[in-house]
Amino acid sequence: MYPFNQCTSTRTGKPLSTYQCSFSAQQAADQTKINYGRVMVPYQCERCDYWHLCPEDRHTPCETCDYCTSSEGKPKQLYKSERAAQKRADCLREERGITLSVYECPHHDGWHLTKSCGW
């Protein structure tokens, strides 16, 4: 596992609840639905390797592309569909005021985000 660094919400800046396994995270998601009526999706964090919860309407599953990199040289995230990539771009625009475009990965079956219009 990665060294533990407290992950925080990009929307609120508050620490995210952390779960050591998918089972614990799913139990917390189920309890959240019962207690608050909110549908949450467990996901394993690439940053800390623990599990967190995400509201279902904001969940954008992705994986790290083993070929494409950002302008900073970091691996890009690969979204399984154009719709998932666009959903993530919309979330980032709402949260951070960043306008991103989506484009199909030229090397894998998936989609990326870009700041450039003419990538």
PDB file of N, CA and C in Angstrom:
ATOM      1  N   MET A   1       0.830  -1.199   0.000  1.00  0.00           N
ATOM      2  CA  MET A   1       0.000   0.000   0.000  1.00  0.00           C
ATOM      3  C   MET A   1       0.864   1.249   0.000  1.00  0.00           C
ATOM      4  N   TYR A   2       0.269   2.328  -0.503  1.00  0.00           N
ATOM      5  CA  TYR A   2       0.953   3.602  -0.511  1.00  0.00           C
ATOM      6  C   TYR A   2       0.992   4.150   0.911  1.00  0.00           C
ATOM      7  N   PRO A   3       1.927   5.038   1.186  1.00  0.00           N
ATOM      8  CA  PRO A   3       1.896   5.693   2.500  1.00  0.00           C
ATOM      9  C   PRO A   3       0.571   6.428   2.642  1.00  0.00           C
ATOM     10  N   PHE A   4       0.015   6.412   3.829  1.00  0.00           N
ATOM     11  CA  PHE A   4      -1.295   7.012   4.035  1.00  0.00           C
ATOM     12  C   PHE A   4      -1.200   8.526   4.057  1.00  0.00           C
ATOM     13  N   ASN A   5      -1.885   9.142   3.135  1.00  0.00           N
ATOM     14  CA  ASN A   5      -2.067  10.591   3.097  1.00  0.00           C
ATOM     15  C   ASN A   5      -3.565  10.814   3.089  1.00  0.00           C
ATOM     16  N   GLN A   6      -4.044  11.658   3.963  1.00  0.00           N
ATOM     17  CA  GLN A   6      -5.482  11.896   4.051  1.00  0.00           C
ATOM     18  C   GLN A   6      -5.983  12.539   2.766  1.00  0.00           C
ATOM     19  N   CYS A   7      -6.867  11.868   2.078  1.00  0.00           N
ATOM     20  CA  CYS A   7      -7.489  12.423   0.882  1.00  0.00           C
ATOM     21  C   CYS A   7      -8.597  13.367   1.308  1.00  0.00           C
ATOM     22  N   THR A   8      -8.803  14.408   0.516  1.00  0.00           N
ATOM     23  CA  THR A   8      -9.833  15.385   0.834  1.00  0.00           C
ATOM     24  C   THR A   8     -10.783  15.544  -0.345  1.00  0.00           C
ATOM     25  N   SER A   9     -11.979  15.992  -0.049  1.00  0.00           N
ATOM     26  CA  SER A   9     -12.986  16.238  -1.072  1.00  0.00           C
ATOM     27  C   SER A   9     -12.570  17.433  -1.918  1.00  0.00           C
ATOM     28  N   THR A  10     -12.683  17.299  -3.232  1.00  0.00           N
ATOM     29  CA  THR A  10     -12.366  18.425  -4.109  1.00  0.00           C
ATOM     30  C   THR A  10     -13.435  19.505  -4.007  1.00  0.00           C
ATOM     31  N   ARG A  11     -14.625  19.133  -3.577  1.00  0.00           N
ATOM     32  CA  ARG A  11     -15.713  20.116  -3.445  1.00  0.00           C
ATOM     33  C   ARG A  11     -15.670  20.854  -2.133  1.00  0.00           C
ATOM     34  N   THR A  12     -15.434  20.140  -1.019  1.00  0.00           N
ATOM     35  CA  THR A  12     -15.536  20.770   0.298  1.00  0.00           C
ATOM     36  C   THR A  12     -14.185  20.971   0.980  1.00  0.00           C
ATOM     37  N   GLY A  13     -13.176  20.235   0.549  1.00  0.00           N
ATOM     38  CA  GLY A  13     -11.869  20.305   1.197  1.00  0.00           C
ATOM     39  C   GLY A  13     -11.793  19.488   2.479  1.00  0.00           C
ATOM     40  N   LYS A  14     -12.892  18.848   2.864  1.00  0.00           N
ATOM     41  CA  LYS A  14     -12.922  18.034   4.081  1.00  0.00           C
ATOM     42  C   LYS A  14     -12.328  16.653   3.811  1.00  0.00           C
ATOM     43  N   PRO A  15     -11.763  16.029   4.856  1.00  0.00           N
ATOM     44  CA  PRO A  15     -11.203  14.681   4.674  1.00  0.00           C
ATOM     45  C   PRO A  15     -12.284  13.684   4.250  1.00  0.00           C
ATOM     46  N   LEU A  16     -11.909  12.786   3.338  1.00  0.00           N
ATOM     47  CA  LEU A  16     -12.817  11.728   2.905  1.00  0.00           C
ATOM     48  C   LEU A  16     -12.786  10.578   3.900  1.00  0.00           C
ATOM     49  N   SER A  17     -13.916   9.928   4.093  1.00  0.00           N
ATOM     50  CA  SER A  17     -13.932   8.701   4.894  1.00  0.00           C
ATOM     51  C   SER A  17     -13.113   7.654   4.154  1.00  0.00           C
ATOM     52  N   THR A  18     -12.374   6.870   4.897  1.00  0.00           N
ATOM     53  CA  THR A  18     -11.454   5.892   4.328  1.00  0.00           C
ATOM     54  C   THR A  18     -11.822   4.496   4.808  1.00  0.00           C
ATOM     55  N   TYR A  19     -11.816   3.548   3.875  1.00  0.00           N
ATOM     56  CA  TYR A  19     -12.139   2.153   4.184  1.00  0.00           C
ATOM     57  C   TYR A  19     -11.009   1.275   3.669  1.00  0.00           C
ATOM     58  N   GLN A  20     -10.690   0.226   4.429  1.00  0.00           N
ATOM     59  CA  GLN A  20      -9.547  -0.606   4.068  1.00  0.00           C
ATOM     60  C   GLN A  20      -9.853  -1.635   2.989  1.00  0.00           C
ATOM     61  N   CYS A  21     -11.134  -1.929   2.755  1.00  0.00           N
ATOM     62  CA  CYS A  21     -11.467  -2.929   1.744  1.00  0.00           C
ATOM     63  C   CYS A  21     -12.797  -2.570   1.087  1.00  0.00           C
ATOM     64  N   SER A  22     -13.056  -3.196  -0.047  1.00  0.00           N
ATOM     65  CA  SER A  22     -14.282  -2.910  -0.788  1.00  0.00           C
ATOM     66  C   SER A  22     -15.522  -3.301   0.008  1.00  0.00           C
ATOM     67  N   PHE A  23     -15.428  -4.378   0.787  1.00  0.00           N
ATOM     68  CA  PHE A  23     -16.570  -4.830   1.579  1.00  0.00           C
ATOM     69  C   PHE A  23     -16.981  -3.756   2.590  1.00  0.00           C
ATOM     70  N   SER A  24     -16.006  -3.200   3.308  1.00  0.00           N
ATOM     71  CA  SER A  24     -16.299  -2.141   4.291  1.00  0.00           C
ATOM     72  C   SER A  24     -16.880  -0.905   3.614  1.00  0.00           C
ATOM     73  N   ALA A  25     -16.325  -0.552   2.467  1.00  0.00           N
ATOM     74  CA  ALA A  25     -16.824   0.611   1.740  1.00  0.00           C
ATOM     75  C   ALA A  25     -18.256   0.369   1.260  1.00  0.00           C
ATOM     76  N   GLN A  26     -18.547  -0.843   0.783  1.00  0.00           N
ATOM     77  CA  GLN A  26     -19.901  -1.151   0.320  1.00  0.00           C
ATOM     78  C   GLN A  26     -20.892  -1.120   1.482  1.00  0.00           C
ATOM     79  N   GLN A  27     -20.470  -1.624   2.650  1.00  0.00           N
ATOM     80  CA  GLN A  27     -21.340  -1.555   3.823  1.00  0.00           C
ATOM     81  C   GLN A  27     -21.672  -0.104   4.170  1.00  0.00           C
ATOM     82  N   ALA A  28     -20.668   0.775   4.106  1.00  0.00           N
ATOM     83  CA  ALA A  28     -20.888   2.194   4.398  1.00  0.00           C
ATOM     84  C   ALA A  28     -21.819   2.818   3.357  1.00  0.00           C
ATOM     85  N   ALA A  29     -21.661   2.433   2.089  1.00  0.00           N
ATOM     86  CA  ALA A  29     -22.539   2.941   1.035  1.00  0.00           C
ATOM     87  C   ALA A  29     -23.981   2.491   1.278  1.00  0.00           C
ATOM     88  N   ASP A  30     -24.142   1.228   1.646  1.00  0.00           N
ATOM     89  CA  ASP A  30     -25.487   0.703   1.938  1.00  0.00           C
ATOM     90  C   ASP A  30     -26.117   1.440   3.113  1.00  0.00           C
ATOM     91  N   GLN A  31     -25.329   1.692   4.152  1.00  0.00           N
ATOM     92  CA  GLN A  31     -25.838   2.388   5.335  1.00  0.00           C
ATOM     93  C   GLN A  31     -26.190   3.833   5.008  1.00  0.00           C
ATOM     94  N   THR A  32     -25.412   4.465   4.159  1.00  0.00           N
ATOM     95  CA  THR A  32     -25.695   5.841   3.741  1.00  0.00           C
ATOM     96  C   THR A  32     -27.028   5.914   2.999  1.00  0.00           C
ATOM     97  N   LYS A  33     -27.279   4.910   2.165  1.00  0.00           N
ATOM     98  CA  LYS A  33     -28.555   4.887   1.440  1.00  0.00           C
ATOM     99  C   LYS A  33     -29.727   4.717   2.411  1.00  0.00           C
ATOM    100  N   ILE A  34     -29.567   3.825   3.389  1.00  0.00           N
ATOM    101  CA  ILE A  34     -30.622   3.592   4.385  1.00  0.00           C
ATOM    102  C   ILE A  34     -30.854   4.842   5.230  1.00  0.00           C
ATOM    103  N   ASN A  35     -29.776   5.425   5.742  1.00  0.00           N
ATOM    104  CA  ASN A  35     -29.893   6.558   6.664  1.00  0.00           C
ATOM    105  C   ASN A  35     -30.256   7.878   5.997  1.00  0.00           C
ATOM    106  N   TYR A  36     -29.716   8.127   4.803  1.00  0.00           N
ATOM    107  CA  TYR A  36     -29.856   9.452   4.190  1.00  0.00           C
ATOM    108  C   TYR A  36     -30.507   9.445   2.817  1.00  0.00           C
ATOM    109  N   GLY A  37     -30.747   8.255   2.250  1.00  0.00           N
ATOM    110  CA  GLY A  37     -31.350   8.168   0.926  1.00  0.00           C
ATOM    111  C   GLY A  37     -30.422   8.540  -0.203  1.00  0.00           C
ATOM    112  N   ARG A  38     -29.119   8.637   0.077  1.00  0.00           N
ATOM    113  CA  ARG A  38     -28.122   8.983  -0.952  1.00  0.00           C
ATOM    114  C   ARG A  38     -27.460   7.724  -1.474  1.00  0.00           C
ATOM    115  N   VAL A  39     -27.396   7.588  -2.797  1.00  0.00           N
ATOM    116  CA  VAL A  39     -26.749   6.427  -3.404  1.00  0.00           C
ATOM    117  C   VAL A  39     -25.272   6.765  -3.609  1.00  0.00           C
ATOM    118  N   MET A  40     -24.409   5.998  -2.955  1.00  0.00           N
ATOM    119  CA  MET A  40     -22.967   6.196  -3.029  1.00  0.00           C
ATOM    120  C   MET A  40     -22.313   4.985  -3.685  1.00  0.00           C
ATOM    121  N   VAL A  41     -21.189   5.226  -4.359  1.00  0.00           N
ATOM    122  CA  VAL A  41     -20.456   4.170  -5.047  1.00  0.00           C
ATOM    123  C   VAL A  41     -19.064   4.075  -4.438  1.00  0.00           C
ATOM    124  N   PRO A  42     -18.664   2.887  -3.977  1.00  0.00           N
ATOM    125  CA  PRO A  42     -17.299   2.714  -3.468  1.00  0.00           C
ATOM    126  C   PRO A  42     -16.295   2.701  -4.629  1.00  0.00           C
ATOM    127  N   TYR A  43     -15.128   3.270  -4.392  1.00  0.00           N
ATOM    128  CA  TYR A  43     -14.055   3.208  -5.385  1.00  0.00           C
ATOM    129  C   TYR A  43     -12.710   3.148  -4.667  1.00  0.00           C
ATOM    130  N   GLN A  44     -11.763   2.477  -5.300  1.00  0.00           N
ATOM    131  CA  GLN A  44     -10.419   2.400  -4.728  1.00  0.00           C
ATOM    132  C   GLN A  44      -9.615   3.581  -5.253  1.00  0.00           C
ATOM    133  N   CYS A  45      -9.048   4.328  -4.343  1.00  0.00           N
ATOM    134  CA  CYS A  45      -8.310   5.549  -4.659  1.00  0.00           C
ATOM    135  C   CYS A  45      -6.906   5.205  -5.157  1.00  0.00           C
ATOM    136  N   GLU A  46      -6.550   5.774  -6.303  1.00  0.00           N
ATOM    137  CA  GLU A  46      -5.204   5.565  -6.832  1.00  0.00           C
ATOM    138  C   GLU A  46      -4.157   6.322  -6.021  1.00  0.00           C
ATOM    139  N   ARG A  47      -4.574   7.350  -5.322  1.00  0.00           N
ATOM    140  CA  ARG A  47      -3.632   8.169  -4.550  1.00  0.00           C
ATOM    141  C   ARG A  47      -3.199   7.472  -3.265  1.00  0.00           C
ATOM    142  N   CYS A  48      -4.180   6.961  -2.499  1.00  0.00           N
ATOM    143  CA  CYS A  48      -3.843   6.385  -1.195  1.00  0.00           C
ATOM    144  C   CYS A  48      -4.029   4.866  -1.142  1.00  0.00           C
ATOM    145  N   ASP A  49      -4.657   4.291  -2.169  1.00  0.00           N
ATOM    146  CA  ASP A  49      -4.912   2.855  -2.289  1.00  0.00           C
ATOM    147  C   ASP A  49      -5.987   2.343  -1.334  1.00  0.00           C
ATOM    148  N   TYR A  50      -6.617   3.236  -0.566  1.00  0.00           N
ATOM    149  CA  TYR A  50      -7.746   2.846   0.268  1.00  0.00           C
ATOM    150  C   TYR A  50      -9.033   3.044  -0.535  1.00  0.00           C
ATOM    151  N   TRP A  51     -10.165   2.812   0.102  1.00  0.00           N
ATOM    152  CA  TRP A  51     -11.463   2.959  -0.538  1.00  0.00           C
ATOM    153  C   TRP A  51     -12.176   4.185   0.005  1.00  0.00           C
ATOM    154  N   HIS A  52     -12.904   4.884  -0.867  1.00  0.00           N
ATOM    155  CA  HIS A  52     -13.720   6.036  -0.523  1.00  0.00           C
ATOM    156  C   HIS A  52     -15.095   5.842  -1.150  1.00  0.00           C
ATOM    157  N   LEU A  53     -15.998   6.767  -0.857  1.00  0.00           N
ATOM    158  CA  LEU A  53     -17.329   6.759  -1.455  1.00  0.00           C
ATOM    159  C   LEU A  53     -17.522   8.008  -2.312  1.00  0.00           C
ATOM    160  N   CYS A  54     -18.270   7.833  -3.386  1.00  0.00           N
ATOM    161  CA  CYS A  54     -18.571   8.937  -4.290  1.00  0.00           C
ATOM    162  C   CYS A  54     -20.076   8.919  -4.578  1.00  0.00           C
ATOM    163  N   PRO A  55     -20.729  10.080  -4.625  1.00  0.00           N
ATOM    164  CA  PRO A  55     -22.138  10.079  -5.023  1.00  0.00           C
ATOM    165  C   PRO A  55     -22.286   9.461  -6.417  1.00  0.00           C
ATOM    166  N   GLU A  56     -23.298   8.649  -6.582  1.00  0.00           N
ATOM    167  CA  GLU A  56     -23.480   7.919  -7.843  1.00  0.00           C
ATOM    168  C   GLU A  56     -23.528   8.856  -9.048  1.00  0.00           C
ATOM    169  N   ASP A  57     -24.162  10.011  -8.893  1.00  0.00           N
ATOM    170  CA  ASP A  57     -24.289  10.922 -10.030  1.00  0.00           C
ATOM    171  C   ASP A  57     -22.982  11.618 -10.400  1.00  0.00           C
ATOM    172  N   ARG A  58     -21.955  11.475  -9.585  1.00  0.00           N
ATOM    173  CA  ARG A  58     -20.648  12.078  -9.866  1.00  0.00           C
ATOM    174  C   ARG A  58     -19.574  11.026 -10.156  1.00  0.00           C
ATOM    175  N   HIS A  59     -19.946   9.768 -10.075  1.00  0.00           N
ATOM    176  CA  HIS A  59     -18.974   8.684 -10.242  1.00  0.00           C
ATOM    177  C   HIS A  59     -18.549   8.553 -11.702  1.00  0.00           C
ATOM    178  N   THR A  60     -17.248   8.657 -11.944  1.00  0.00           N
ATOM    179  CA  THR A  60     -16.698   8.541 -13.300  1.00  0.00           C
ATOM    180  C   THR A  60     -15.525   7.564 -13.278  1.00  0.00           C
ATOM    181  N   PRO A  61     -15.803   6.263 -13.370  1.00  0.00           N
ATOM    182  CA  PRO A  61     -14.727   5.277 -13.296  1.00  0.00           C
ATOM    183  C   PRO A  61     -13.730   5.457 -14.433  1.00  0.00           C
ATOM    184  N   CYS A  62     -12.472   5.277 -14.089  1.00  0.00           N
ATOM    185  CA  CYS A  62     -11.406   5.408 -15.079  1.00  0.00           C
ATOM    186  C   CYS A  62     -10.215   4.570 -14.630  1.00  0.00           C
ATOM    187  N   GLU A  63      -9.247   4.473 -15.499  1.00  0.00           N
ATOM    188  CA  GLU A  63      -7.992   3.812 -15.156  1.00  0.00           C
ATOM    189  C   GLU A  63      -6.865   4.648 -15.736  1.00  0.00           C
ATOM    190  N   THR A  64      -5.659   4.368 -15.328  1.00  0.00           N
ATOM    191  CA  THR A  64      -4.511   5.107 -15.829  1.00  0.00           C
ATOM    192  C   THR A  64      -4.099   4.544 -17.180  1.00  0.00           C
ATOM    193  N   CYS A  65      -3.959   5.423 -18.164  1.00  0.00           N
ATOM    194  CA  CYS A  65      -3.524   5.027 -19.502  1.00  0.00           C
ATOM    195  C   CYS A  65      -2.026   4.727 -19.442  1.00  0.00           C
ATOM    196  N   ASP A  66      -1.637   3.615 -19.989  1.00  0.00           N
ATOM    197  CA  ASP A  66      -0.216   3.253 -19.938  1.00  0.00           C
ATOM    198  C   ASP A  66       0.581   3.822 -21.112  1.00  0.00           C
ATOM    199  N   TYR A  67      -0.052   4.685 -21.901  1.00  0.00           N
ATOM    200  CA  TYR A  67       0.645   5.263 -23.045  1.00  0.00           C
ATOM    201  C   TYR A  67       0.615   6.793 -23.054  1.00  0.00           C
ATOM    202  N   CYS A  68      -0.559   7.376 -22.877  1.00  0.00           N
ATOM    203  CA  CYS A  68      -0.724   8.825 -23.024  1.00  0.00           C
ATOM    204  C   CYS A  68      -0.350   9.581 -21.753  1.00  0.00           C
ATOM    205  N   THR A  69       0.239  10.769 -21.932  1.00  0.00           N
ATOM    206  CA  THR A  69       0.637  11.600 -20.797  1.00  0.00           C
ATOM    207  C   THR A  69       0.120  13.024 -20.977  1.00  0.00           C
ATOM    208  N   SER A  70       0.033  13.715 -19.860  1.00  0.00           N
ATOM    209  CA  SER A  70      -0.404  15.115 -19.869  1.00  0.00           C
ATOM    210  C   SER A  70       0.771  16.006 -20.266  1.00  0.00           C
ATOM    211  N   SER A  71       0.508  17.300 -20.369  1.00  0.00           N
ATOM    212  CA  SER A  71       1.578  18.249 -20.699  1.00  0.00           C
ATOM    213  C   SER A  71       2.631  18.306 -19.600  1.00  0.00           C
ATOM    214  N   GLU A  72       2.262  17.859 -18.388  1.00  0.00           N
ATOM    215  CA  GLU A  72       3.218  17.803 -17.277  1.00  0.00           C
ATOM    216  C   GLU A  72       3.974  16.470 -17.237  1.00  0.00           C
ATOM    217  N   GLY A  73       3.664  15.583 -18.182  1.00  0.00           N
ATOM    218  CA  GLY A  73       4.341  14.289 -18.243  1.00  0.00           C
ATOM    219  C   GLY A  73       3.715  13.210 -17.364  1.00  0.00           C
ATOM    220  N   LYS A  74       2.563  13.493 -16.760  1.00  0.00           N
ATOM    221  CA  LYS A  74       1.889  12.521 -15.905  1.00  0.00           C
ATOM    222  C   LYS A  74       0.966  11.648 -16.755  1.00  0.00           C
ATOM    223  N   PRO A  75       0.783  10.379 -16.375  1.00  0.00           N
ATOM    224  CA  PRO A  75      -0.136   9.518 -17.131  1.00  0.00           C
ATOM    225  C   PRO A  75      -1.557  10.081 -17.111  1.00  0.00           C
ATOM    226  N   LYS A  76      -2.229  10.002 -18.257  1.00  0.00           N
ATOM    227  CA  LYS A  76      -3.613  10.475 -18.353  1.00  0.00           C
ATOM    228  C   LYS A  76      -4.569   9.407 -17.847  1.00  0.00           C
ATOM    229  N   GLN A  77      -5.750   9.855 -17.415  1.00  0.00           N
ATOM    230  CA  GLN A  77      -6.820   8.949 -17.031  1.00  0.00           C
ATOM    231  C   GLN A  77      -7.576   8.534 -18.290  1.00  0.00           C
ATOM    232  N   LEU A  78      -7.931   7.261 -18.351  1.00  0.00           N
ATOM    233  CA  LEU A  78      -8.645   6.706 -19.498  1.00  0.00           C
ATOM    234  C   LEU A  78     -10.062   6.355 -19.047  1.00  0.00           C
ATOM    235  N   TYR A  79     -11.049   7.035 -19.628  1.00  0.00           N
ATOM    236  CA  TYR A  79     -12.452   6.798 -19.300  1.00  0.00           C
ATOM    237  C   TYR A  79     -13.015   5.799 -20.303  1.00  0.00           C
ATOM    238  N   LYS A  80     -13.894   4.927 -19.840  1.00  0.00           N
ATOM    239  CA  LYS A  80     -14.393   3.833 -20.666  1.00  0.00           C
ATOM    240  C   LYS A  80     -15.322   4.281 -21.786  1.00  0.00           C
ATOM    241  N   SER A  81     -15.925   5.443 -21.630  1.00  0.00           N
ATOM    242  CA  SER A  81     -16.846   5.929 -22.660  1.00  0.00           C
ATOM    243  C   SER A  81     -16.721   7.440 -22.797  1.00  0.00           C
ATOM    244  N   GLU A  82     -17.190   7.934 -23.935  1.00  0.00           N
ATOM    245  CA  GLU A  82     -17.211   9.378 -24.149  1.00  0.00           C
ATOM    246  C   GLU A  82     -18.117  10.038 -23.117  1.00  0.00           C
ATOM    247  N   ARG A  83     -19.224   9.380 -22.797  1.00  0.00           N
ATOM    248  CA  ARG A  83     -20.167   9.915 -21.813  1.00  0.00           C
ATOM    249  C   ARG A  83     -19.514  10.061 -20.435  1.00  0.00           C
ATOM    250  N   ALA A  84     -18.743   9.040 -20.012  1.00  0.00           N
ATOM    251  CA  ALA A  84     -18.062   9.098 -18.713  1.00  0.00           C
ATOM    252  C   ALA A  84     -17.032  10.229 -18.692  1.00  0.00           C
ATOM    253  N   ALA A  85     -16.290  10.377 -19.784  1.00  0.00           N
ATOM    254  CA  ALA A  85     -15.284  11.447 -19.866  1.00  0.00           C
ATOM    255  C   ALA A  85     -15.964  12.812 -19.818  1.00  0.00           C
ATOM    256  N   GLN A  86     -17.071  12.960 -20.533  1.00  0.00           N
ATOM    257  CA  GLN A  86     -17.788  14.236 -20.542  1.00  0.00           C
ATOM    258  C   GLN A  86     -18.369  14.544 -19.164  1.00  0.00           C
ATOM    259  N   LYS A  87     -18.857  13.520 -18.492  1.00  0.00           N
ATOM    260  CA  LYS A  87     -19.396  13.698 -17.137  1.00  0.00           C
ATOM    261  C   LYS A  87     -18.306  14.215 -16.205  1.00  0.00           C
ATOM    262  N   ARG A  88     -17.089  13.657 -16.315  1.00  0.00           N
ATOM    263  CA  ARG A  88     -15.971  14.116 -15.485  1.00  0.00           C
ATOM    264  C   ARG A  88     -15.595  15.551 -15.848  1.00  0.00           C
ATOM    265  N   ALA A  89     -15.576  15.859 -17.133  1.00  0.00           N
ATOM    266  CA  ALA A  89     -15.259  17.228 -17.568  1.00  0.00           C
ATOM    267  C   ALA A  89     -16.287  18.210 -17.008  1.00  0.00           C
ATOM    268  N   ASP A  90     -17.562  17.822 -17.017  1.00  0.00           N
ATOM    269  CA  ASP A  90     -18.624  18.683 -16.471  1.00  0.00           C
ATOM    270  C   ASP A  90     -18.425  18.902 -14.971  1.00  0.00           C
ATOM    271  N   CYS A  91     -18.063  17.826 -14.238  1.00  0.00           N
ATOM    272  CA  CYS A  91     -17.805  17.950 -12.795  1.00  0.00           C
ATOM    273  C   CYS A  91     -16.657  18.913 -12.525  1.00  0.00           C
ATOM    274  N   LEU A  92     -15.583  18.796 -13.298  1.00  0.00           N
ATOM    275  CA  LEU A  92     -14.419  19.667 -13.100  1.00  0.00           C
ATOM    276  C   LEU A  92     -14.745  21.120 -13.441  1.00  0.00           C
ATOM    277  N   ARG A  93     -15.589  21.333 -14.444  1.00  0.00           N
ATOM    278  CA  ARG A  93     -16.002  22.703 -14.777  1.00  0.00           C
ATOM    279  C   ARG A  93     -16.803  23.308 -13.624  1.00  0.00           C
ATOM    280  N   GLU A  94     -17.723  22.522 -13.054  1.00  0.00           N
ATOM    281  CA  GLU A  94     -18.541  23.002 -11.943  1.00  0.00           C
ATOM    282  C   GLU A  94     -17.696  23.249 -10.694  1.00  0.00           C
ATOM    283  N   GLU A  95     -16.773  22.322 -10.384  1.00  0.00           N
ATOM    284  CA  GLU A  95     -15.978  22.411  -9.158  1.00  0.00           C
ATOM    285  C   GLU A  95     -14.858  23.429  -9.233  1.00  0.00           C
ATOM    286  N   ARG A  96     -14.160  23.443 -10.346  1.00  0.00           N
ATOM    287  CA  ARG A  96     -12.919  24.232 -10.435  1.00  0.00           C
ATOM    288  C   ARG A  96     -12.923  25.307 -11.507  1.00  0.00           C
ATOM    289  N   GLY A  97     -14.004  25.382 -12.285  1.00  0.00           N
ATOM    290  CA  GLY A  97     -14.068  26.374 -13.350  1.00  0.00           C
ATOM    291  C   GLY A  97     -13.132  26.076 -14.507  1.00  0.00           C
ATOM    292  N   ILE A  98     -12.745  24.814 -14.661  1.00  0.00           N
ATOM    293  CA  ILE A  98     -11.840  24.398 -15.732  1.00  0.00           C
ATOM    294  C   ILE A  98     -12.667  23.840 -16.885  1.00  0.00           C
ATOM    295  N   THR A  99     -12.461  24.371 -18.089  1.00  0.00           N
ATOM    296  CA  THR A  99     -13.162  23.859 -19.258  1.00  0.00           C
ATOM    297  C   THR A  99     -12.259  22.864 -19.977  1.00  0.00           C
ATOM    298  N   LEU A 100     -12.749  21.633 -20.101  1.00  0.00           N
ATOM    299  CA  LEU A 100     -11.995  20.565 -20.745  1.00  0.00           C
ATOM    300  C   LEU A 100     -12.795  19.975 -21.899  1.00  0.00           C
ATOM    301  N   SER A 101     -12.089  19.469 -22.872  1.00  0.00           N
ATOM    302  CA  SER A 101     -12.702  18.759 -23.993  1.00  0.00           C
ATOM    303  C   SER A 101     -12.377  17.284 -23.851  1.00  0.00           C
ATOM    304  N   VAL A 102     -13.166  16.446 -24.505  1.00  0.00           N
ATOM    305  CA  VAL A 102     -12.898  15.006 -24.498  1.00  0.00           C
ATOM    306  C   VAL A 102     -12.452  14.574 -25.887  1.00  0.00           C
ATOM    307  N   TYR A 103     -11.600  13.560 -25.937  1.00  0.00           N
ATOM    308  CA  TYR A 103     -11.177  13.002 -27.213  1.00  0.00           C
ATOM    309  C   TYR A 103     -10.871  11.517 -27.035  1.00  0.00           C
ATOM    310  N   GLU A 104     -11.012  10.800 -28.114  1.00  0.00           N
ATOM    311  CA  GLU A 104     -10.786   9.359 -28.088  1.00  0.00           C
ATOM    312  C   GLU A 104      -9.295   9.074 -28.045  1.00  0.00           C
ATOM    313  N   CYS A 105      -8.907   8.149 -27.180  1.00  0.00           N
ATOM    314  CA  CYS A 105      -7.494   7.771 -27.065  1.00  0.00           C
ATOM    315  C   CYS A 105      -7.052   7.111 -28.370  1.00  0.00           C
ATOM    316  N   PRO A 106      -5.935   7.558 -28.932  1.00  0.00           N
ATOM    317  CA  PRO A 106      -5.467   6.964 -30.185  1.00  0.00           C
ATOM    318  C   PRO A 106      -4.802   5.596 -29.997  1.00  0.00           C
ATOM    319  N   HIS A 107      -4.599   5.180 -28.744  1.00  0.00           N
ATOM    320  CA  HIS A 107      -3.863   3.946 -28.487  1.00  0.00           C
ATOM    321  C   HIS A 107      -4.670   2.865 -27.778  1.00  0.00           C
ATOM    322  N   HIS A 108      -5.735   3.249 -27.108  1.00  0.00           N
ATOM    323  CA  HIS A 108      -6.531   2.298 -26.324  1.00  0.00           C
ATOM    324  C   HIS A 108      -8.016   2.553 -26.555  1.00  0.00           C
ATOM    325  N   ASP A 109      -8.826   1.635 -26.093  1.00  0.00           N
ATOM    326  CA  ASP A 109     -10.273   1.771 -26.199  1.00  0.00           C
ATOM    327  C   ASP A 109     -10.755   2.612 -25.016  1.00  0.00           C
ATOM    328  N   GLY A 110     -10.861   3.920 -25.213  1.00  0.00           N
ATOM    329  CA  GLY A 110     -11.289   4.810 -24.149  1.00  0.00           C
ATOM    330  C   GLY A 110     -11.150   6.257 -24.564  1.00  0.00           C
ATOM    331  N   TRP A 111     -11.403   7.143 -23.597  1.00  0.00           N
ATOM    332  CA  TRP A 111     -11.451   8.583 -23.848  1.00  0.00           C
ATOM    333  C   TRP A 111     -10.631   9.334 -22.815  1.00  0.00           C
ATOM    334  N   HIS A 112     -10.054  10.472 -23.250  1.00  0.00           N
ATOM    335  CA  HIS A 112      -9.252  11.328 -22.373  1.00  0.00           C
ATOM    336  C   HIS A 112      -9.885  12.725 -22.293  1.00  0.00           C
ATOM    337  N   LEU A 113      -9.370  13.509 -21.351  1.00  0.00           N
ATOM    338  CA  LEU A 113      -9.716  14.919 -21.218  1.00  0.00           C
ATOM    339  C   LEU A 113      -8.517  15.749 -21.639  1.00  0.00           C
ATOM    340  N   THR A 114      -8.772  16.914 -22.190  1.00  0.00           N
ATOM    341  CA  THR A 114      -7.688  17.819 -22.571  1.00  0.00           C
ATOM    342  C   THR A 114      -8.108  19.259 -22.346  1.00  0.00           C
ATOM    343  N   LYS A 115      -7.122  20.105 -22.052  1.00  0.00           N
ATOM    344  CA  LYS A 115      -7.353  21.549 -21.940  1.00  0.00           C
ATOM    345  C   LYS A 115      -7.311  22.193 -23.325  1.00  0.00           C
ATOM    346  N   SER A 116      -6.661  21.529 -24.260  1.00  0.00           N
ATOM    347  CA  SER A 116      -6.493  22.062 -25.615  1.00  0.00           C
ATOM    348  C   SER A 116      -7.716  21.798 -26.466  1.00  0.00           C
ATOM    349  N   CYS A 117      -8.013  22.725 -27.313  1.00  0.00           N
ATOM    350  CA  CYS A 117      -9.129  22.518 -28.250  1.00  0.00           C
ATOM    351  C   CYS A 117      -8.682  21.683 -29.449  1.00  0.00           C
ATOM    352  N   GLY A 118      -7.454  21.829 -29.875  1.00  0.00           N
ATOM    353  CA  GLY A 118      -6.988  21.122 -31.061  1.00  0.00           C
ATOM    354  C   GLY A 118      -5.989  20.037 -30.747  1.00  0.00           C
ATOM    355  N   TRP A 119      -6.197  19.353 -29.659  1.00  0.00           N
ATOM    356  CA  TRP A 119      -5.253  18.324 -29.182  1.00  0.00           C
ATOM    357  C   TRP A 119      -4.617  17.627 -30.331  1.00  0.00           C
TER     358      TRP A 119
END
